[in-house]
Amino acid sequence: MQVPKQKLKWLIFPIENYVREFYGKSLLSAVAAERGWGALLAYKGYIRHNLPAINGVIVEMNMTNAERVERYLDLGWRVCAWDEEGLIYNNGEVYAQRRLNEAALGKIEKVFLWGENQRKDILEHSKGIEHKLFLTGNPRFDLLRPDLRGFYAPAADSLKNSYGRYILVNTTFGDVNHYFGRDYNMQILREAGKLTTEAQVADQIAREAYKVSLFNAFIGMLPGLSAHFPEHTIIVRPHPAEDFDTWSSAARGLPNVSMIHAGDPIPWMLGAEVVIHNSCTTGVQAYLLGRPVIAYRPVQSEKYDMVLPNALSFQAQDLDGLVAMIGQFTAHPGRPDAGPDEQKRPIMQKYIESMQGAWASDRIMDELEKLAVSPQALAPGAFPAEQKEAPRPAGMRDKLAGLLAGMKKRLAGDAPKPPDPHGKNWDNYTRQRFPALDYDIQSDLKRMQTLTGRFSNVRVERADNDLVCFYPSED
């Protein structure tokens, strides 16, 4: 990519999960470019290890790492943030313990919040930062609004043409079905200093035991759905951090069940006759899209279930109830009571801003434009085209190798073995969460321009398969 030659104020957005974040951050980047900024999007590891030393703004995806924020500041960047996990969590105490770092919050200038519930929970645990918190909503949910969801219509129509009538099962079991195995999540929490007491460790063990029971119930659900709805395809779409092979194995032998993880989840929800989940953000998204959405809750925990997505969904307590509810929705697709329950709207409004009025993207840019940022030109080699991500430190590689060996020891009951040679490596895991951007990015922008009537002065380019740049035209 030839970086724009003009001097611009620069924004950077790291991305962890492509399917979760890319299009929302693309919309925000287009809004920024419309206002004369340059905006860069890339996988978080690439961005974090290849930042040039200029005066711009980086909008981090969490508030958990003070050392990382300090490094950005040393390079001359202003630092703002939102929390990609700031909408769905158990309770304020767990959120503060796992997602807030006081030192990081002290260095971040502005924090853009999902809604009032997140604001309340932050202020209960972090004092004196009220002036940094802004109720903006999140750009991911801009694209769920009736005025913008048409962005996904072509992809949704294509899915319906390809799969016919289908039922979508979204899963979120990365903590007990992780790509790197059952023990990985516990190890990461320990290394991050989130499990420092016996009580915290015991709580995490209990949490994972509960999630295993729910995970097994979802696997056990699939044969029943397959048998009761033979004219539908049952699509299982796991979280990007999960081991996809587990779900492929669960679908094997069921003629109308498939594990598919491709593209953004929103078109899949728009095309589905019914969406099934438990404690998953997709339950909130499906509700906002007006889709029939069911929280399958064969086991329940007041402590470990996520309140918001389940509260915004119809609920089934067992397989018979689930089958009956799906049958009602599929027998009369589009009937009035299959869509969002307006009685649930006050619940949603406590958690989510900007579903009406100005977009979250515009509200965020209103705040970012108040920061003193100097326009600068990016050097042609500011971001290397060949280096995808700096190598992980040897210490972390050793820890990961030891972790994988420990998992095998526990499973096999014998001496530690080397890491799995069958593709279970960090590069493959990265690509599972952030696939190569090897497609025509221009078509996405054209669709946004047609849908909104905005962004006529915006241009977009991609560098290699990992970096996208939005910028204003020089015309």
Protein backbone atom coordinates (compact mmCIF):
# COMPACT_ATOMS: atom_id res chain seq x y z
CA MET A 1 0.00 0.00 0.00
CA GLN A 2 1.15 3.51 -0.76
CA VAL A 3 0.37 5.39 2.44
CA PRO A 4 -1.34 8.74 1.90
CA LYS A 5 1.19 11.48 1.27
CA GLN A 6 -0.77 14.27 2.91
CA LYS A 7 -0.32 15.21 6.53
CA LEU A 8 -3.17 13.78 8.60
CA LYS A 9 -4.17 13.31 12.20
CA TRP A 10 -3.84 9.55 12.71
CA LEU A 11 -6.01 7.03 14.54
CA ILE A 12 -5.17 3.38 15.14
CA PHE A 13 -7.58 0.58 16.06
CA PRO A 14 -6.09 -2.81 17.11
CA ILE A 15 -8.34 -5.81 16.38
CA GLU A 16 -8.36 -9.18 18.15
CA ASN A 17 -11.33 -11.00 16.59
CA TYR A 18 -12.02 -10.07 12.98
CA VAL A 19 -15.62 -11.30 13.01
CA ARG A 20 -16.36 -9.35 16.16
CA GLU A 21 -14.68 -6.04 15.47
CA PHE A 22 -13.65 -5.41 11.88
CA TYR A 23 -16.76 -3.86 10.40
CA GLY A 24 -17.60 -1.73 13.40
CA LYS A 25 -14.09 -0.28 13.41
CA SER A 26 -14.28 0.14 9.64
CA LEU A 27 -17.40 2.28 10.05
CA LEU A 28 -15.69 4.38 12.73
CA SER A 29 -12.63 4.70 10.48
CA ALA A 30 -14.81 5.93 7.62
CA VAL A 31 -16.35 8.52 9.94
CA ALA A 32 -12.85 9.60 10.96
CA ALA A 33 -11.66 9.87 7.35
CA GLU A 34 -14.80 11.84 6.46
CA ARG A 35 -13.63 14.37 9.06
CA GLY A 36 -10.12 14.54 7.66
CA TRP A 37 -8.31 11.91 9.75
CA GLY A 38 -6.34 8.87 8.67
CA ALA A 39 -7.30 5.60 10.38
CA LEU A 40 -5.43 2.29 10.48
CA LEU A 41 -6.90 -1.11 11.39
CA ALA A 42 -4.88 -4.27 11.92
CA TYR A 43 -4.53 -7.38 14.03
CA LYS A 44 -3.56 -6.30 17.54
CA GLY A 45 -0.19 -8.07 17.57
CA TYR A 46 0.90 -6.48 14.31
CA ILE A 47 -0.13 -2.99 15.40
CA ARG A 48 1.28 -3.20 18.90
CA HIS A 49 4.72 -4.31 17.73
CA ASN A 50 5.08 -2.04 14.69
CA LEU A 51 3.91 1.38 15.87
CA PRO A 52 5.83 4.32 14.41
CA ALA A 53 6.81 7.12 16.77
CA ILE A 54 4.33 9.84 15.82
CA ASN A 55 1.72 11.98 17.52
CA GLY A 56 -1.61 10.22 16.93
CA VAL A 57 -4.36 8.48 18.88
CA ILE A 58 -4.55 4.75 19.52
CA VAL A 59 -7.88 3.41 20.74
CA GLU A 60 -7.12 0.28 22.72
CA MET A 61 -9.61 -2.56 23.08
CA ASN A 62 -9.32 -2.89 26.86
CA MET A 63 -7.99 -1.23 30.02
CA THR A 64 -5.95 -4.14 31.37
CA ASN A 65 -2.28 -3.41 30.63
CA ALA A 66 -0.50 -0.35 32.02
CA GLU A 67 2.89 -1.28 30.53
CA ARG A 68 1.42 -1.36 27.03
CA VAL A 69 -0.18 2.06 27.53
CA GLU A 70 3.12 3.45 28.79
CA ARG A 71 4.90 2.16 25.68
CA TYR A 72 2.36 3.94 23.45
CA LEU A 73 2.89 7.16 25.40
CA ASP A 74 6.67 6.84 25.04
CA LEU A 75 6.22 6.69 21.26
CA GLY A 76 4.22 9.91 21.30
CA TRP A 77 0.69 8.48 20.98
CA ARG A 78 -2.36 9.72 22.85
CA VAL A 79 -4.22 6.74 24.33
CA CYS A 80 -7.97 6.23 24.54
CA ALA A 81 -9.85 2.96 24.97
CA TRP A 82 -13.05 1.01 25.11
CA ASP A 83 -13.53 -2.52 26.37
CA GLU A 84 -14.64 -5.11 23.82
CA GLU A 85 -15.70 -7.26 26.79
CA GLY A 86 -17.42 -4.41 28.61
CA LEU A 87 -20.98 -5.36 27.71
CA ILE A 88 -21.30 -9.01 28.74
CA TYR A 89 -19.95 -10.07 32.14
CA ASN A 90 -21.19 -11.71 35.32
CA ASN A 91 -21.21 -8.78 37.73
CA GLY A 92 -19.36 -5.61 38.62
CA GLU A 93 -16.96 -7.28 41.02
CA VAL A 94 -15.80 -9.84 38.46
CA TYR A 95 -15.58 -7.12 35.81
CA ALA A 96 -13.38 -4.91 37.97
CA GLN A 97 -11.12 -7.79 39.02
CA ARG A 98 -10.56 -9.09 35.48
CA ARG A 99 -11.00 -6.10 33.17
CA LEU A 100 -9.82 -2.98 35.01
CA ASN A 101 -6.26 -1.95 35.76
CA GLU A 102 -5.99 1.18 37.89
CA ALA A 103 -2.56 2.11 36.52
CA ALA A 104 -3.78 1.77 32.93
CA LEU A 105 -6.92 3.80 33.65
CA GLY A 106 -4.72 6.50 35.14
CA LYS A 107 -2.82 6.88 31.85
CA ILE A 108 -5.76 6.59 29.40
CA GLU A 109 -7.32 9.93 28.44
CA LYS A 110 -10.83 8.90 27.37
CA VAL A 111 -12.82 5.69 27.83
CA PHE A 112 -15.80 5.09 25.53
CA LEU A 113 -18.50 3.06 27.26
CA TRP A 114 -21.13 0.62 26.05
CA GLY A 115 -23.73 2.08 28.39
CA GLU A 116 -24.80 3.13 31.86
CA ASN A 117 -24.39 -0.32 33.43
CA GLN A 118 -20.68 -0.43 32.54
CA ARG A 119 -20.24 3.14 33.78
CA LYS A 120 -21.84 2.29 37.12
CA ASP A 121 -19.65 -0.77 37.62
CA ILE A 122 -16.45 1.08 36.73
CA LEU A 123 -17.18 3.93 39.11
CA GLU A 124 -17.96 1.55 41.96
CA HIS A 125 -14.37 0.29 41.77
CA SER A 126 -12.38 3.18 40.24
CA LYS A 127 -12.70 6.61 41.84
CA GLY A 128 -11.86 10.00 40.41
CA ILE A 129 -12.12 9.09 36.73
CA GLU A 130 -15.65 10.31 35.99
CA HIS A 131 -14.24 12.94 33.61
CA LYS A 132 -12.67 10.21 31.45
CA LEU A 133 -15.85 8.18 30.90
CA PHE A 134 -18.11 8.86 27.92
CA LEU A 135 -21.44 7.15 27.22
CA THR A 136 -21.08 6.68 23.48
CA GLY A 137 -22.06 3.10 22.70
CA ASN A 138 -19.87 0.93 20.49
CA PRO A 139 -19.45 1.08 16.68
CA ARG A 140 -20.05 -2.68 16.48
CA PHE A 141 -23.67 -2.05 17.36
CA ASP A 142 -24.09 0.90 14.99
CA LEU A 143 -24.35 -1.69 12.24
CA LEU A 144 -27.27 -3.41 13.99
CA ARG A 145 -29.47 -0.31 13.79
CA PRO A 146 -32.33 -0.40 11.27
CA ASP A 147 -30.72 2.43 9.30
CA LEU A 148 -27.42 0.55 8.88
CA ARG A 149 -28.06 -3.20 9.04
CA GLY A 150 -28.72 -3.20 5.29
CA PHE A 151 -24.93 -3.24 5.00
CA TYR A 152 -25.17 -6.99 5.67
CA ALA A 153 -28.17 -7.72 3.43
CA PRO A 154 -26.23 -9.05 0.39
CA ALA A 155 -24.28 -11.49 2.56
CA ALA A 156 -27.44 -12.61 4.39
CA ASP A 157 -29.23 -13.23 1.09
CA SER A 158 -26.26 -15.23 -0.17
CA LEU A 159 -26.31 -17.44 2.94
CA LYS A 160 -30.01 -18.14 2.57
CA ASN A 161 -29.49 -19.03 -1.09
CA SER A 162 -26.63 -21.36 -0.16
CA TYR A 163 -28.10 -23.09 2.90
CA GLY A 164 -31.83 -22.70 2.51
CA ARG A 165 -33.72 -22.75 5.79
CA TYR A 166 -31.31 -22.92 8.69
CA ILE A 167 -31.14 -22.72 12.47
CA LEU A 168 -28.07 -21.00 13.90
CA VAL A 169 -26.38 -22.23 17.09
CA ASN A 170 -23.81 -19.76 18.46
CA THR A 171 -21.43 -21.05 21.13
CA THR A 172 -19.10 -19.27 23.55
CA PHE A 173 -17.08 -21.97 25.31
CA GLY A 174 -13.55 -20.68 24.81
CA ASP A 175 -12.81 -21.09 28.51
CA VAL A 176 -13.43 -24.87 28.43
CA ASN A 177 -13.03 -25.67 24.70
CA HIS A 178 -10.09 -23.44 23.84
CA TYR A 179 -8.00 -23.87 20.70
CA PHE A 180 -5.04 -24.69 22.95
CA GLY A 181 -6.98 -26.96 25.28
CA ARG A 182 -8.96 -26.97 28.49
CA ASP A 183 -6.14 -25.67 30.71
CA TYR A 184 -5.21 -22.66 28.60
CA ASN A 185 -7.70 -20.17 30.00
CA MET A 186 -6.74 -20.93 33.59
CA GLN A 187 -3.05 -20.49 32.75
CA ILE A 188 -3.62 -17.14 31.05
CA LEU A 189 -5.60 -15.84 34.02
CA ARG A 190 -2.79 -16.89 36.36
CA GLU A 191 -0.14 -15.21 34.22
CA ALA A 192 -2.22 -12.02 34.05
CA GLY A 193 -2.42 -11.90 37.84
CA LYS A 194 -6.19 -12.46 37.89
CA LEU A 195 -6.03 -15.59 40.09
CA THR A 196 -3.91 -14.63 43.07
CA THR A 197 -5.87 -16.14 45.97
CA GLU A 198 -7.16 -19.59 46.78
CA ALA A 199 -10.71 -18.24 46.67
CA GLN A 200 -10.23 -16.88 43.15
CA VAL A 201 -8.77 -20.17 41.95
CA ALA A 202 -11.61 -22.13 43.55
CA ASP A 203 -14.14 -19.82 41.93
CA GLN A 204 -12.55 -20.29 38.51
CA ILE A 205 -12.57 -24.07 38.93
CA ALA A 206 -16.27 -23.94 39.82
CA ARG A 207 -16.97 -21.62 36.89
CA GLU A 208 -15.27 -23.97 34.45
CA ALA A 209 -17.05 -27.01 35.90
CA TYR A 210 -20.36 -25.28 35.31
CA LYS A 211 -19.36 -24.31 31.76
CA VAL A 212 -18.35 -27.91 31.03
CA SER A 213 -21.83 -29.10 32.01
CA LEU A 214 -23.39 -26.48 29.74
CA PHE A 215 -20.94 -27.28 26.94
CA ASN A 216 -21.85 -30.97 27.13
CA ALA A 217 -25.54 -30.07 27.06
CA PHE A 218 -25.04 -28.10 23.84
CA ILE A 219 -23.26 -31.04 22.24
CA GLY A 220 -26.05 -33.33 23.43
CA MET A 221 -28.64 -30.97 21.94
CA LEU A 222 -27.47 -31.40 18.35
CA PRO A 223 -28.85 -34.91 17.62
CA GLY A 224 -32.28 -33.80 18.85
CA LEU A 225 -32.30 -30.70 16.64
CA SER A 226 -31.11 -32.76 13.70
CA ALA A 227 -33.92 -35.31 14.13
CA HIS A 228 -36.75 -32.85 14.79
CA PHE A 229 -35.88 -30.40 11.99
CA PRO A 230 -34.71 -32.52 9.06
CA GLU A 231 -35.72 -29.85 6.52
CA HIS A 232 -33.42 -27.30 8.16
CA THR A 233 -29.65 -27.10 8.24
CA ILE A 234 -28.32 -26.74 11.77
CA ILE A 235 -25.33 -24.39 11.63
CA VAL A 236 -23.00 -24.48 14.65
CA ARG A 237 -20.88 -21.35 14.81
CA PRO A 238 -18.28 -21.46 17.63
CA HIS A 239 -16.48 -18.54 19.20
CA PRO A 240 -13.21 -17.72 17.37
CA ALA A 241 -11.12 -18.83 20.38
CA GLU A 242 -12.65 -22.32 20.48
CA ASP A 243 -11.37 -25.62 19.17
CA PHE A 244 -13.44 -25.98 16.00
CA ASP A 245 -12.55 -29.67 15.71
CA THR A 246 -14.68 -30.41 18.78
CA TRP A 247 -17.79 -29.10 17.04
CA SER A 248 -16.93 -30.76 13.73
CA SER A 249 -16.72 -34.06 15.61
CA ALA A 250 -20.04 -33.37 17.33
CA ALA A 251 -21.69 -32.72 13.96
CA ARG A 252 -20.21 -35.83 12.33
CA GLY A 253 -22.87 -38.39 11.50
CA LEU A 254 -25.71 -35.85 11.72
CA PRO A 255 -26.72 -35.32 8.09
CA ASN A 256 -28.05 -31.77 8.44
CA VAL A 257 -25.63 -30.40 11.07
CA SER A 258 -22.48 -28.47 10.09
CA MET A 259 -19.82 -26.55 11.96
CA ILE A 260 -19.17 -23.37 9.95
CA HIS A 261 -17.12 -20.40 11.06
CA ALA A 262 -16.85 -18.01 8.16
CA GLY A 263 -17.44 -14.30 7.87
CA ASP A 264 -19.18 -11.86 10.16
CA PRO A 265 -21.87 -13.36 12.43
CA ILE A 266 -24.46 -10.69 11.62
CA PRO A 267 -25.42 -11.99 8.15
CA TRP A 268 -25.74 -15.49 9.63
CA MET A 269 -28.19 -14.17 12.21
CA LEU A 270 -30.15 -12.17 9.65
CA GLY A 271 -30.56 -15.26 7.48
CA ALA A 272 -31.43 -17.68 10.28
CA GLU A 273 -35.01 -18.63 11.11
CA VAL A 274 -33.98 -19.06 14.77
CA VAL A 275 -30.82 -18.19 16.72
CA ILE A 276 -29.80 -20.31 19.75
CA HIS A 277 -27.17 -19.37 22.35
CA ASN A 278 -26.43 -19.23 26.06
CA SER A 279 -24.86 -16.17 27.72
CA CYS A 280 -23.47 -14.99 24.38
CA THR A 281 -23.20 -11.51 22.88
CA THR A 282 -24.93 -12.89 19.81
CA GLY A 283 -28.09 -13.14 21.93
CA VAL A 284 -28.02 -9.36 22.30
CA GLN A 285 -27.19 -8.84 18.63
CA ALA A 286 -30.00 -11.11 17.46
CA TYR A 287 -32.46 -9.28 19.72
CA LEU A 288 -31.40 -5.92 18.28
CA LEU A 289 -31.73 -7.30 14.76
CA GLY A 290 -35.30 -8.41 15.49
CA ARG A 291 -34.53 -12.10 15.04
CA PRO A 292 -36.16 -14.96 17.01
CA VAL A 293 -33.49 -15.77 19.60
CA ILE A 294 -33.56 -18.46 22.28
CA ALA A 295 -31.29 -18.87 25.28
CA TYR A 296 -30.96 -22.63 25.85
CA ARG A 297 -30.54 -23.06 29.62
CA PRO A 298 -30.65 -26.76 30.57
CA VAL A 299 -28.36 -25.95 33.51
CA GLN A 300 -28.35 -22.59 35.23
CA SER A 301 -26.24 -20.55 37.62
CA GLU A 302 -27.15 -17.18 39.08
CA LYS A 303 -23.43 -16.61 39.61
CA TYR A 304 -21.98 -17.65 36.27
CA ASP A 305 -24.71 -17.03 33.68
CA MET A 306 -24.59 -13.72 31.80
CA VAL A 307 -27.67 -11.68 32.59
CA LEU A 308 -28.15 -9.44 29.55
CA PRO A 309 -28.09 -11.86 26.59
CA ASN A 310 -30.31 -14.36 28.37
CA ALA A 311 -32.73 -11.66 29.54
CA LEU A 312 -33.18 -10.38 25.97
CA SER A 313 -33.95 -13.88 24.65
CA PHE A 314 -36.80 -16.32 24.81
CA GLN A 315 -35.71 -19.09 27.16
CA ALA A 316 -35.87 -22.89 26.95
CA GLN A 317 -35.04 -25.00 29.99
CA ASP A 318 -34.77 -28.41 28.31
CA LEU A 319 -34.60 -30.03 24.88
CA ASP A 320 -38.37 -30.61 24.64
CA GLY A 321 -39.05 -26.97 25.39
CA LEU A 322 -36.38 -25.87 22.92
CA VAL A 323 -37.78 -28.04 20.15
CA ALA A 324 -41.32 -26.79 20.79
CA MET A 325 -40.22 -23.16 20.70
CA ILE A 326 -38.18 -23.60 17.52
CA GLY A 327 -41.16 -25.37 15.97
CA GLN A 328 -43.40 -22.40 16.69
CA PHE A 329 -40.97 -19.95 15.12
CA THR A 330 -40.17 -22.03 12.05
CA ALA A 331 -43.84 -22.83 11.40
CA HIS A 332 -44.61 -19.12 11.05
CA PRO A 333 -41.41 -17.28 10.08
CA GLY A 334 -41.64 -13.56 10.63
CA ARG A 335 -44.74 -13.60 12.82
CA PRO A 336 -44.95 -10.57 15.16
CA ASP A 337 -44.13 -12.38 18.41
CA ALA A 338 -41.01 -13.95 16.90
CA GLY A 339 -39.19 -10.62 16.95
CA PRO A 340 -37.91 -8.43 19.80
CA ASP A 341 -40.10 -8.18 22.87
CA GLU A 342 -40.63 -4.47 23.51
CA GLN A 343 -40.96 -5.20 27.23
CA LYS A 344 -37.26 -6.10 27.13
CA ARG A 345 -36.22 -2.76 25.65
CA PRO A 346 -35.81 -1.01 29.05
CA ILE A 347 -33.39 -3.78 30.03
CA MET A 348 -31.37 -3.22 26.87
CA GLN A 349 -31.31 0.54 27.38
CA LYS A 350 -29.54 0.16 30.74
CA TYR A 351 -26.63 -1.49 28.98
CA ILE A 352 -26.40 -0.02 25.46
CA GLU A 353 -26.20 3.56 24.24
CA SER A 354 -26.67 4.96 20.74
CA MET A 355 -29.26 2.60 19.31
CA GLN A 356 -31.15 5.78 18.42
CA GLY A 357 -29.98 9.26 17.52
CA ALA A 358 -26.35 9.86 16.60
CA TRP A 359 -24.23 6.80 15.84
CA ALA A 360 -21.70 5.66 18.40
CA SER A 361 -19.06 6.25 15.72
CA ASP A 362 -19.97 9.93 15.46
CA ARG A 363 -20.17 10.34 19.24
CA ILE A 364 -16.71 8.83 19.64
CA MET A 365 -15.24 11.05 16.92
CA ASP A 366 -16.81 14.11 18.56
CA GLU A 367 -14.68 13.32 21.63
CA LEU A 368 -11.52 12.33 19.76
CA GLU A 369 -11.55 15.61 17.85
CA LYS A 370 -11.20 17.47 21.16
CA LEU A 371 -7.70 16.02 21.59
CA ALA A 372 -4.71 18.07 20.48
CA VAL A 373 -3.17 15.95 17.70
CA SER A 374 -0.63 17.19 15.15
CA PRO A 375 -1.16 16.31 11.47
CA GLN A 376 1.78 14.28 10.21
CA ALA A 377 2.71 12.29 7.13
CA LEU A 378 3.44 8.60 7.56
CA ALA A 379 6.77 7.48 6.18
CA PRO A 380 6.42 4.91 3.35
CA GLY A 381 7.96 2.19 5.53
CA ALA A 382 6.11 3.11 8.71
CA PHE A 383 4.45 -0.32 8.77
CA PRO A 384 6.51 -3.23 7.38
CA ALA A 385 4.66 -5.24 4.76
CA GLU A 386 6.35 -8.54 5.54
CA GLN A 387 6.44 -8.67 9.33
CA LYS A 388 3.00 -9.84 10.43
CA GLU A 389 3.64 -9.81 14.14
CA ALA A 390 6.74 -9.62 16.28
CA PRO A 391 7.81 -13.05 17.51
CA ARG A 392 6.38 -13.94 20.87
CA PRO A 393 9.00 -13.62 23.63
CA ALA A 394 10.94 -16.79 24.33
CA GLY A 395 9.51 -16.89 27.83
CA MET A 396 5.96 -16.93 26.51
CA ARG A 397 6.83 -19.55 23.88
CA ASP A 398 8.31 -21.73 26.61
CA LYS A 399 5.23 -21.25 28.78
CA LEU A 400 2.95 -22.16 25.90
CA ALA A 401 5.01 -25.24 25.06
CA GLY A 402 4.97 -26.28 28.70
CA LEU A 403 1.25 -25.67 28.93
CA LEU A 404 0.51 -27.82 25.91
CA ALA A 405 2.78 -30.57 27.22
CA GLY A 406 1.05 -30.40 30.58
CA MET A 407 -2.35 -30.80 28.93
CA LYS A 408 -1.17 -33.91 27.13
CA LYS A 409 0.26 -35.30 30.33
CA ARG A 410 -3.06 -34.85 32.11
CA LEU A 411 -5.01 -36.40 29.26
CA ALA A 412 -2.66 -39.30 28.60
CA GLY A 413 -1.52 -39.89 32.16
CA ASP A 414 2.15 -40.17 31.23
CA ALA A 415 5.26 -38.03 30.78
CA PRO A 416 5.00 -34.59 29.12
CA LYS A 417 5.02 -34.57 25.32
CA PRO A 418 6.00 -31.78 22.92
CA PRO A 419 3.33 -29.42 21.56
CA ASP A 420 0.77 -30.86 19.17
CA PRO A 421 2.39 -31.03 15.71
CA HIS A 422 -1.00 -31.03 13.94
CA GLY A 423 -1.44 -27.32 13.40
CA LYS A 424 -1.92 -26.22 17.01
CA ASN A 425 0.48 -23.30 16.80
CA TRP A 426 0.25 -19.60 17.46
CA ASP A 427 0.25 -18.52 13.80
CA ASN A 428 -2.73 -20.74 12.99
CA TYR A 429 -4.56 -19.53 16.07
CA THR A 430 -3.95 -15.92 15.03
CA ARG A 431 -5.36 -16.60 11.58
CA GLN A 432 -8.39 -18.30 13.12
CA ARG A 433 -9.14 -15.05 14.96
CA PHE A 434 -7.91 -12.65 12.27
CA PRO A 435 -8.00 -14.18 8.75
CA ALA A 436 -5.99 -12.66 5.93
CA LEU A 437 -7.74 -9.64 4.44
CA ASP A 438 -7.29 -11.00 0.92
CA TYR A 439 -10.46 -9.60 -0.66
CA ASP A 440 -11.68 -6.39 -2.28
CA ILE A 441 -11.99 -4.01 0.66
CA GLN A 442 -13.26 -1.33 -1.71
CA SER A 443 -16.63 -3.05 -2.06
CA ASP A 444 -17.29 -2.69 1.67
CA LEU A 445 -16.75 1.06 1.51
CA LYS A 446 -18.94 1.40 -1.59
CA ARG A 447 -21.73 -0.41 0.22
CA MET A 448 -21.41 1.96 3.18
CA GLN A 449 -21.45 4.95 0.84
CA THR A 450 -24.59 3.75 -0.95
CA LEU A 451 -26.38 2.87 2.28
CA THR A 452 -25.63 6.07 4.19
CA GLY A 453 -25.19 8.72 1.54
CA ARG A 454 -21.97 9.63 3.34
CA PHE A 455 -18.22 9.05 2.89
CA SER A 456 -17.92 10.30 -0.71
CA ASN A 457 -14.54 11.80 0.22
CA VAL A 458 -13.25 8.62 1.91
CA ARG A 459 -10.73 6.22 0.41
CA VAL A 460 -9.58 2.82 1.69
CA GLU A 461 -6.58 0.64 0.89
CA ARG A 462 -5.07 -2.50 2.38
CA ALA A 463 -1.41 -3.37 2.83
CA ASP A 464 -0.60 -7.05 2.43
CA ASN A 465 -3.22 -9.08 4.34
CA ASP A 466 -3.06 -7.43 7.74
CA LEU A 467 -3.39 -3.66 7.59
CA VAL A 468 -6.21 -1.44 6.31
CA CYS A 469 -6.02 2.33 5.92
CA PHE A 470 -8.98 4.74 5.64
CA TYR A 471 -8.12 8.29 4.62
CA PRO A 472 -9.67 11.38 3.00
CA SER A 473 -9.21 11.95 -0.70
CA GLU A 474 -6.98 14.79 -1.79
CA ASP A 475 -9.48 15.94 -4.42
